[in-house]
Amino acid sequence: MEKEIEILFTEKIINEAVDRFQLKKDSLKKLGSFENYVYECIKDDNSYILRFTHSSHRSKAQIESELDWVNFLKEKNAPVCGPLRSSSGCFVEEIQATDGSSFFSCLFEKAQGSPVKVTDEQFNEKLFHQWGKSIGRLHTLTEHYTLPDHIQKRHELIVGFDTEFAPYLPSDKVIQKNAQDVIAQLNNIPKTEKTFGLIHTDLHLGNFFYDGETMYLFDFDDCGYHYLLSDIAIAIYYTCWFNDNTDEENTNLIHQFIPAFISGYREEHSFLAEDLRLLPLFFHLRDLELLGVLHKKWDVSALNEKQQKLLDDLYSRVKNQTPIVQFDIEAMVVHLHS
């Protein structure tokens, strides 16, 4: 979290949220603080997740829009962690900071199951299949989601690139040119009801738990209107990014991952094998997004060794337009047709 936000996030704000959601005092356990402050907490002897979002990151209307969709998915029996109302009946509670800005607090169900790492025995084709099935389920359900009149529409993520990520990219001319090219290519992809809609956009290993059969999905903070293919690209991208594999090992892994993942996806939603040819473009987009957000969040003049390597890898891929993983796309297209 940015230093200026850290200063504003006081115990008084935390305690106010505890009171409004009627949580057990002194039960909070901090889980994260990258874009939001996230805590595990206790209410009526059960565990929940309490999230604080600063108004510089999201407006109240944007958060209400996120939670309306998540609540819709929950009501349709999707395996998502739904929001809970406060004692005043609100999904979002606004708590003012000392400078006049606000923190928005929300309470969510805690996911069943447990997190999965790439080194776990459960990280296998059964998981990949369920991963695809879960995303396909969201895409199908959302075709029937109607935005209520009082709810603000989530933004289009490609349009939002110019304000959320582009201002923080390095001034390097090659990086700037490649970013413009990627956005231009994305804008040329036709949008239809079957290819474009409201999606999670960030369903990687860190945003679901798994109990061996079912995935429980959470962290819809970045949800927005985008090509459905982006959800598939993100799953592949982070499957490679979250390990220490060589390029060859990642290529072999993705040749296992994609057939199992798409098989699960197709149980819930249609998928054209030819769309695999667009995956490298979405890999490039995520590289650019990460390059922007990390420059925003980190002091690049004081990086540790791990951070420096991560940024160096991103610089290299963006400047050379090299996807995070390379595999035989044409062979995979043929395989998915068979």
Protein backbone atom coordinates (compact mmCIF):
# COMPACT_ATOMS: atom_id res chain seq x y z
CA MET A 1 0.00 0.00 0.00
CA GLU A 2 1.18 3.54 -0.76
CA LYS A 3 2.73 5.36 2.21
CA GLU A 4 0.21 8.21 2.11
CA ILE A 5 -2.63 5.69 2.50
CA GLU A 6 -0.84 3.84 5.31
CA ILE A 7 -0.77 7.04 7.34
CA LEU A 8 -4.54 7.45 7.04
CA PHE A 9 -5.43 3.86 7.93
CA THR A 10 -5.77 4.06 11.72
CA GLU A 11 -7.04 1.77 14.47
CA LYS A 12 -10.04 4.07 14.79
CA ILE A 13 -11.11 3.19 11.24
CA ILE A 14 -10.65 -0.54 11.89
CA ASN A 15 -12.64 -0.37 15.12
CA GLU A 16 -15.45 1.51 13.42
CA ALA A 17 -15.81 -1.28 10.85
CA VAL A 18 -15.69 -3.91 13.61
CA ASP A 19 -18.62 -2.16 15.30
CA ARG A 20 -20.67 -1.68 12.12
CA PHE A 21 -20.37 -5.32 11.10
CA GLN A 22 -20.68 -6.55 14.70
CA LEU A 23 -17.42 -8.47 14.63
CA LYS A 24 -15.63 -9.97 17.59
CA LYS A 25 -13.22 -7.35 18.88
CA ASP A 26 -9.53 -8.29 18.78
CA SER A 27 -10.26 -11.15 16.35
CA LEU A 28 -8.74 -9.50 13.27
CA LYS A 29 -5.79 -11.18 11.57
CA LYS A 30 -4.16 -9.25 8.73
CA LEU A 31 -3.93 -11.18 5.44
CA GLY A 32 -2.79 -8.59 2.92
CA SER A 33 -2.35 -4.91 2.03
CA PHE A 34 -1.34 -4.58 -1.62
CA GLU A 35 -4.37 -2.78 -3.10
CA ASN A 36 -6.78 -3.29 -0.17
CA TYR A 37 -6.37 -4.02 3.52
CA VAL A 38 -7.70 -7.54 4.10
CA TYR A 39 -8.33 -9.25 7.43
CA GLU A 40 -9.74 -12.52 8.66
CA CYS A 41 -12.19 -11.93 11.48
CA ILE A 42 -14.76 -13.65 13.71
CA LYS A 43 -18.50 -13.03 13.86
CA ASP A 44 -20.85 -15.33 15.78
CA ASP A 45 -18.03 -17.90 16.13
CA ASN A 46 -17.54 -18.11 12.34
CA SER A 47 -14.67 -16.80 10.23
CA TYR A 48 -15.19 -14.06 7.65
CA ILE A 49 -13.09 -11.70 5.55
CA LEU A 50 -13.10 -7.94 6.20
CA ARG A 51 -11.81 -5.68 3.43
CA PHE A 52 -10.93 -1.97 3.52
CA THR A 53 -10.63 -0.05 0.24
CA HIS A 54 -9.39 3.54 0.09
CA SER A 55 -11.34 6.02 -2.00
CA SER A 56 -8.26 6.67 -4.15
CA HIS A 57 -8.55 3.07 -5.39
CA ARG A 58 -12.32 2.65 -5.79
CA SER A 59 -15.38 4.82 -5.29
CA LYS A 60 -18.30 3.63 -3.18
CA ALA A 61 -20.39 3.25 -6.33
CA GLN A 62 -17.73 1.06 -7.94
CA ILE A 63 -17.62 -1.23 -4.90
CA GLU A 64 -21.41 -1.44 -4.75
CA SER A 65 -21.32 -2.44 -8.42
CA GLU A 66 -18.79 -5.21 -7.70
CA LEU A 67 -20.83 -6.55 -4.78
CA ASP A 68 -24.13 -6.47 -6.67
CA TRP A 69 -22.63 -8.80 -9.28
CA VAL A 70 -21.01 -11.07 -6.70
CA ASN A 71 -24.29 -11.27 -4.79
CA PHE A 72 -26.08 -12.18 -8.05
CA LEU A 73 -23.58 -14.98 -8.67
CA LYS A 74 -24.00 -16.21 -5.10
CA GLU A 75 -27.79 -16.30 -5.48
CA LYS A 76 -27.33 -18.39 -8.64
CA ASN A 77 -25.32 -20.93 -6.58
CA ALA A 78 -21.96 -20.03 -8.10
CA PRO A 79 -19.04 -21.04 -5.81
CA VAL A 80 -18.20 -17.46 -4.86
CA CYS A 81 -17.69 -15.84 -1.47
CA GLY A 82 -20.68 -13.57 -1.12
CA PRO A 83 -20.89 -10.24 0.73
CA LEU A 84 -22.68 -9.80 4.06
CA ARG A 85 -24.64 -6.77 5.20
CA SER A 86 -23.70 -4.57 8.13
CA SER A 87 -25.97 -3.93 11.11
CA SER A 88 -27.47 -1.03 9.12
CA GLY A 89 -28.24 -3.33 6.18
CA CYS A 90 -25.47 -2.11 3.86
CA PHE A 91 -22.94 -4.11 1.87
CA VAL A 92 -20.52 -1.15 1.94
CA GLU A 93 -19.78 0.99 4.99
CA GLU A 94 -18.01 4.32 4.42
CA ILE A 95 -15.64 5.49 7.15
CA GLN A 96 -14.05 8.91 6.79
CA ALA A 97 -10.30 9.42 7.23
CA THR A 98 -8.69 12.48 8.81
CA ASP A 99 -7.95 14.15 5.44
CA GLY A 100 -11.57 13.94 4.22
CA SER A 101 -11.01 10.84 2.08
CA SER A 102 -12.74 7.58 2.93
CA PHE A 103 -12.16 3.90 3.54
CA PHE A 104 -14.93 1.56 2.40
CA SER A 105 -15.32 -1.59 4.48
CA CYS A 106 -17.01 -4.79 3.29
CA LEU A 107 -17.50 -8.21 4.86
CA PHE A 108 -17.33 -11.46 2.89
CA GLU A 109 -17.82 -15.14 3.50
CA LYS A 110 -14.55 -16.96 3.99
CA ALA A 111 -13.79 -19.49 1.26
CA GLN A 112 -14.04 -23.17 2.05
CA GLY A 113 -11.11 -25.43 1.20
CA SER A 114 -7.53 -24.21 1.18
CA PRO A 115 -5.09 -22.41 -1.15
CA VAL A 116 -3.20 -24.40 -3.78
CA LYS A 117 0.45 -23.93 -4.70
CA VAL A 118 2.10 -25.06 -7.92
CA THR A 119 4.19 -27.49 -5.85
CA ASP A 120 1.13 -29.16 -4.26
CA GLU A 121 0.00 -32.64 -5.23
CA GLN A 122 -3.43 -31.15 -6.00
CA PHE A 123 -1.94 -28.97 -8.72
CA ASN A 124 -2.89 -31.39 -11.48
CA GLU A 125 -5.24 -31.93 -14.42
CA LYS A 126 -8.24 -32.43 -12.14
CA LEU A 127 -7.64 -28.96 -10.70
CA PHE A 128 -7.09 -27.47 -14.18
CA HIS A 129 -10.41 -28.97 -15.33
CA GLN A 130 -12.25 -27.54 -12.33
CA TRP A 131 -10.57 -24.18 -12.84
CA GLY A 132 -11.88 -23.98 -16.39
CA LYS A 133 -15.32 -25.21 -15.33
CA SER A 134 -15.54 -22.55 -12.60
CA ILE A 135 -14.68 -19.73 -14.98
CA GLY A 136 -17.05 -21.07 -17.63
CA ARG A 137 -19.81 -21.16 -15.01
CA LEU A 138 -19.29 -17.48 -14.19
CA HIS A 139 -19.34 -16.53 -17.87
CA THR A 140 -22.60 -18.39 -18.50
CA LEU A 141 -24.37 -17.04 -15.42
CA THR A 142 -23.33 -13.49 -16.20
CA GLU A 143 -25.11 -13.63 -19.56
CA HIS A 144 -28.28 -13.42 -17.47
CA TYR A 145 -27.12 -10.60 -15.19
CA THR A 146 -29.08 -7.37 -15.59
CA LEU A 147 -27.56 -4.24 -14.12
CA PRO A 148 -30.05 -2.63 -11.70
CA ASP A 149 -30.93 1.01 -12.36
CA HIS A 150 -29.34 2.17 -9.09
CA ILE A 151 -26.02 0.36 -9.72
CA GLN A 152 -23.14 1.92 -11.64
CA LYS A 153 -21.78 -0.13 -14.52
CA ARG A 154 -18.26 -1.46 -14.03
CA HIS A 155 -15.71 0.06 -16.37
CA GLU A 156 -14.32 -1.48 -19.54
CA LEU A 157 -10.82 -2.62 -18.69
CA ILE A 158 -9.21 -1.83 -22.04
CA VAL A 159 -10.60 1.72 -21.88
CA GLY A 160 -9.40 1.97 -18.27
CA PHE A 161 -5.83 1.05 -19.21
CA ASP A 162 -5.09 4.68 -20.13
CA THR A 163 -5.84 5.90 -16.60
CA GLU A 164 -5.07 2.91 -14.37
CA PHE A 165 -1.81 1.63 -15.86
CA ALA A 166 -0.43 3.76 -18.69
CA PRO A 167 0.49 6.79 -16.50
CA TYR A 168 2.86 4.62 -14.44
CA LEU A 169 4.67 2.87 -17.29
CA PRO A 170 8.35 3.76 -17.82
CA SER A 171 8.95 6.54 -20.35
CA ASP A 172 11.04 4.18 -22.51
CA LYS A 173 9.94 4.79 -26.11
CA VAL A 174 9.86 1.10 -27.04
CA ILE A 175 7.67 0.24 -24.05
CA GLN A 176 5.33 3.16 -24.78
CA LYS A 177 5.04 2.14 -28.46
CA ASN A 178 4.44 -1.52 -27.65
CA ALA A 179 1.75 -0.58 -25.14
CA GLN A 180 -0.06 1.49 -27.78
CA ASP A 181 0.18 -1.39 -30.26
CA VAL A 182 -1.27 -3.92 -27.78
CA ILE A 183 -4.24 -1.69 -26.93
CA ALA A 184 -4.87 -0.99 -30.62
CA GLN A 185 -4.88 -4.71 -31.43
CA LEU A 186 -7.26 -5.45 -28.56
CA ASN A 187 -9.64 -2.74 -29.72
CA ASN A 188 -9.80 -4.40 -33.13
CA ILE A 189 -11.18 -7.68 -31.73
CA PRO A 190 -14.96 -7.92 -32.40
CA LYS A 191 -17.17 -7.77 -29.31
CA THR A 192 -20.19 -10.06 -29.06
CA GLU A 193 -22.36 -11.30 -26.21
CA LYS A 194 -20.43 -14.59 -26.36
CA THR A 195 -16.96 -13.03 -26.33
CA PHE A 196 -17.23 -9.86 -24.21
CA GLY A 197 -18.81 -9.19 -20.84
CA LEU A 198 -18.40 -8.69 -17.11
CA ILE A 199 -15.61 -10.95 -15.84
CA HIS A 200 -13.45 -11.50 -12.76
CA THR A 201 -10.21 -10.65 -14.66
CA ASP A 202 -7.85 -11.99 -11.96
CA LEU A 203 -8.70 -15.63 -11.23
CA HIS A 204 -5.21 -16.89 -10.46
CA LEU A 205 -4.08 -19.31 -7.75
CA GLY A 206 -4.20 -16.60 -5.10
CA ASN A 207 -7.90 -15.87 -5.62
CA PHE A 208 -9.54 -19.20 -4.97
CA PHE A 209 -9.50 -22.03 -2.44
CA TYR A 210 -10.03 -25.67 -3.39
CA ASP A 211 -11.37 -28.60 -1.39
CA GLY A 212 -10.41 -31.32 -3.88
CA GLU A 213 -13.69 -31.06 -5.77
CA THR A 214 -14.95 -27.47 -5.79
CA MET A 215 -13.26 -24.10 -6.18
CA TYR A 216 -14.40 -21.19 -4.03
CA LEU A 217 -13.73 -17.90 -5.79
CA PHE A 218 -13.04 -14.52 -4.21
CA ASP A 219 -11.44 -11.07 -4.68
CA PHE A 220 -13.62 -9.55 -7.41
CA ASP A 221 -12.13 -6.10 -6.79
CA ASP A 222 -10.71 -5.86 -10.34
CA CYS A 223 -13.83 -7.13 -12.11
CA GLY A 224 -14.89 -5.28 -15.24
CA TYR A 225 -16.02 -5.59 -18.84
CA HIS A 226 -13.45 -7.37 -20.95
CA TYR A 227 -13.06 -10.19 -23.43
CA LEU A 228 -13.96 -13.49 -21.78
CA LEU A 229 -10.71 -14.87 -23.14
CA SER A 230 -8.84 -12.67 -20.66
CA ASP A 231 -10.00 -14.86 -17.75
CA ILE A 232 -8.50 -17.87 -19.53
CA ALA A 233 -5.28 -16.02 -20.36
CA ILE A 234 -4.85 -14.94 -16.74
CA ALA A 235 -5.16 -18.52 -15.48
CA ILE A 236 -2.41 -19.60 -17.90
CA TYR A 237 -0.26 -16.53 -17.23
CA TYR A 238 -0.11 -16.98 -13.48
CA THR A 239 0.28 -20.73 -13.70
CA CYS A 240 3.64 -19.91 -15.31
CA TRP A 241 4.44 -16.84 -13.20
CA PHE A 242 3.90 -18.52 -9.82
CA ASN A 243 6.65 -21.12 -10.26
CA ASP A 244 10.38 -21.40 -10.79
CA ASN A 245 10.16 -23.52 -13.92
CA THR A 246 12.43 -23.14 -16.91
CA ASP A 247 10.83 -21.94 -20.14
CA GLU A 248 10.77 -25.53 -21.42
CA GLU A 249 9.12 -26.79 -18.24
CA ASN A 250 6.45 -24.10 -18.49
CA THR A 251 5.81 -25.00 -22.11
CA ASN A 252 5.30 -28.65 -21.14
CA LEU A 253 3.06 -27.63 -18.24
CA ILE A 254 0.83 -25.51 -20.48
CA HIS A 255 0.46 -28.37 -22.95
CA GLN A 256 -1.08 -30.30 -20.02
CA PHE A 257 -2.97 -27.34 -18.60
CA ILE A 258 -4.88 -26.08 -21.65
CA PRO A 259 -6.69 -29.30 -22.73
CA ALA A 260 -7.85 -30.03 -19.17
CA PHE A 261 -8.82 -26.40 -18.53
CA ILE A 262 -10.73 -25.97 -21.79
CA SER A 263 -12.48 -29.32 -21.30
CA GLY A 264 -13.85 -28.01 -18.00
CA TYR A 265 -14.69 -24.61 -19.49
CA ARG A 266 -16.65 -26.19 -22.34
CA GLU A 267 -18.87 -28.02 -19.86
CA GLU A 268 -20.26 -24.61 -18.91
CA HIS A 269 -19.62 -22.24 -21.84
CA SER A 270 -18.76 -22.39 -25.52
CA PHE A 271 -15.16 -21.94 -26.64
CA LEU A 272 -13.64 -21.64 -30.11
CA ALA A 273 -10.27 -23.35 -30.41
CA GLU A 274 -9.15 -20.62 -32.82
CA ASP A 275 -9.31 -18.09 -29.98
CA LEU A 276 -6.13 -19.63 -28.57
CA ARG A 277 -4.26 -17.64 -31.23
CA LEU A 278 -5.15 -14.46 -29.32
CA LEU A 279 -3.64 -15.61 -26.03
CA PRO A 280 -0.18 -14.02 -26.55
CA LEU A 281 -1.88 -10.63 -26.97
CA PHE A 282 -3.56 -11.01 -23.57
CA PHE A 283 -0.26 -12.16 -22.03
CA HIS A 284 1.32 -8.94 -23.32
CA LEU A 285 -1.52 -6.90 -21.81
CA ARG A 286 -1.01 -8.44 -18.36
CA ASP A 287 2.75 -7.75 -18.56
CA LEU A 288 1.98 -4.10 -19.26
CA GLU A 289 -0.59 -3.91 -16.45
CA LEU A 290 1.85 -5.40 -13.97
CA LEU A 291 4.66 -3.14 -15.12
CA GLY A 292 2.40 -0.14 -14.51
CA VAL A 293 0.99 -1.18 -11.14
CA LEU A 294 4.38 -2.21 -9.73
CA HIS A 295 5.89 1.14 -10.69
CA LYS A 296 2.98 2.75 -8.90
CA LYS A 297 3.30 0.61 -5.76
CA TRP A 298 7.07 0.17 -5.42
CA ASP A 299 9.98 2.53 -4.89
CA VAL A 300 11.97 1.40 -7.93
CA SER A 301 15.11 3.04 -6.55
CA ALA A 302 15.13 0.69 -3.54
CA LEU A 303 14.14 -2.75 -4.81
CA ASN A 304 15.21 -6.01 -3.23
CA GLU A 305 16.75 -8.73 -5.38
CA LYS A 306 13.46 -10.55 -5.98
CA GLN A 307 11.63 -7.37 -6.95
CA GLN A 308 14.41 -6.30 -9.29
CA LYS A 309 14.38 -9.65 -11.10
CA LEU A 310 10.61 -9.51 -11.47
CA LEU A 311 10.76 -6.04 -13.00
CA ASP A 312 13.72 -6.98 -15.21
CA ASP A 313 11.74 -9.94 -16.57
CA LEU A 314 8.73 -7.70 -17.25
CA TYR A 315 10.91 -5.09 -18.99
CA SER A 316 12.43 -7.76 -21.18
CA ARG A 317 9.12 -9.35 -22.18
CA VAL A 318 7.44 -6.01 -22.89
CA LYS A 319 10.33 -4.55 -24.89
CA ASN A 320 10.85 -7.73 -26.91
CA GLN A 321 7.14 -8.60 -27.11
CA THR A 322 7.89 -12.07 -25.80
CA PRO A 323 4.94 -13.90 -24.18
CA ILE A 324 5.41 -15.32 -20.70
CA VAL A 325 5.07 -18.82 -22.15
CA GLN A 326 5.46 -20.06 -25.71
CA PHE A 327 3.76 -23.23 -26.89
CA ASP A 328 2.63 -24.78 -30.16
CA ILE A 329 -0.67 -22.91 -30.53
CA GLU A 330 -1.55 -24.41 -33.90
CA ALA A 331 -1.05 -27.94 -32.58
CA MET A 332 -3.25 -27.07 -29.61
CA VAL A 333 -5.97 -25.68 -31.88
CA VAL A 334 -5.97 -28.94 -33.82
CA HIS A 335 -6.02 -30.93 -30.57
CA LEU A 336 -9.08 -29.04 -29.29
CA HIS A 337 -10.88 -29.67 -32.57
CA SER A 338 -10.29 -33.43 -32.36
